[in-house]
Protein backbone atom coordinates (compact mmCIF):
# COMPACT_ATOMS: atom_id res chain seq x y z
CA UNK A 1 0.00 0.00 0.00
CA UNK A 2 1.45 3.38 -0.99
CA UNK A 3 1.77 6.33 1.37
CA UNK A 4 -1.24 8.10 -0.20
CA UNK A 5 -3.46 5.07 0.37
CA UNK A 6 -2.25 4.71 3.96
CA UNK A 7 -2.87 8.40 4.59
CA UNK A 8 -6.38 8.25 3.15
CA UNK A 9 -7.21 5.09 5.10
CA UNK A 10 -5.92 6.68 8.29
CA UNK A 11 -7.97 9.85 7.74
CA UNK A 12 -11.06 7.72 7.16
CA UNK A 13 -10.43 5.71 10.32
CA UNK A 14 -9.44 8.60 12.63
CA UNK A 15 -12.09 11.07 11.51
CA UNK A 16 -14.77 8.49 10.68
CA UNK A 17 -15.53 10.16 7.35
CA UNK A 18 -16.50 8.91 3.91
CA UNK A 19 -15.23 11.79 1.79
CA UNK A 20 -12.36 14.28 1.73
CA UNK A 21 -12.44 17.79 0.25
CA UNK A 22 -9.98 20.44 -0.83
CA UNK A 23 -10.03 23.79 -2.61
CA UNK A 24 -7.63 24.66 -5.41
CA UNK A 25 -7.25 27.71 -7.63
CA UNK A 26 -8.96 27.26 -11.00
CA UNK A 27 -5.79 28.56 -12.69
CA UNK A 28 -3.57 26.00 -10.94
CA UNK A 29 -3.84 23.38 -13.67
CA UNK A 30 -0.84 21.30 -12.47
CA UNK A 31 -2.45 20.92 -9.03
CA UNK A 32 -5.87 20.13 -10.50
CA UNK A 33 -4.21 17.47 -12.66
CA UNK A 34 -2.36 16.00 -9.69
CA UNK A 35 -5.46 15.84 -7.51
CA UNK A 36 -7.41 14.26 -10.38
CA UNK A 37 -4.72 11.56 -10.66
CA UNK A 38 -5.04 11.01 -6.90
CA UNK A 39 -8.76 10.27 -7.30
CA UNK A 40 -10.30 13.68 -6.61
CA UNK A 41 -13.03 15.08 -8.84
CA UNK A 42 -14.40 18.60 -9.23
CA UNK A 43 -17.71 19.00 -7.42
CA UNK A 44 -18.25 22.75 -7.26
CA UNK A 45 -16.79 26.08 -8.35
CA UNK A 46 -16.54 28.71 -5.60
CA UNK A 47 -16.65 32.08 -7.32
CA UNK A 48 -14.36 34.76 -5.85
CA UNK A 49 -13.03 32.34 -3.23
CA UNK A 50 -9.55 33.85 -2.94
CA UNK A 51 -8.80 37.39 -1.71
CA UNK A 52 -7.60 38.37 -5.17
CA UNK A 53 -11.00 37.38 -6.59
CA UNK A 54 -9.93 34.13 -8.25
CA UNK A 55 -12.33 31.20 -8.22
CA UNK A 56 -11.57 27.85 -6.61
CA UNK A 57 -12.54 24.32 -7.50
CA UNK A 58 -13.88 22.27 -4.62
CA UNK A 59 -12.60 18.77 -5.21
CA UNK A 60 -13.66 15.61 -3.41
CA UNK A 61 -12.41 12.06 -3.03
CA UNK A 62 -14.37 9.04 -1.82
CA UNK A 63 -12.52 7.51 1.14
CA UNK A 64 -14.46 4.24 1.05
CA UNK A 65 -11.88 2.96 -1.45
CA UNK A 66 -9.09 3.18 1.11
C-alpha cells in the first residue's frame, strides 16, 4: 500500500468520514491534474473564493476505497 493510500485510510479511520475535500485555484492546472490523478473530482466552483477574486474548485475524493 502506498503512502497516499495509507494516509487516506488513516484519515477515514481517525475522523470516521467517507469523503475528503480540498479547494484549489482554478488557474492551478498542475495541481488540478495532480489531484485528479489522486482520485479527486471537481464537485463545485466557488466564485471569488480567494482574496484576489480568483475562483476555486472544490474537489472531493471518496474515502471508502481506502
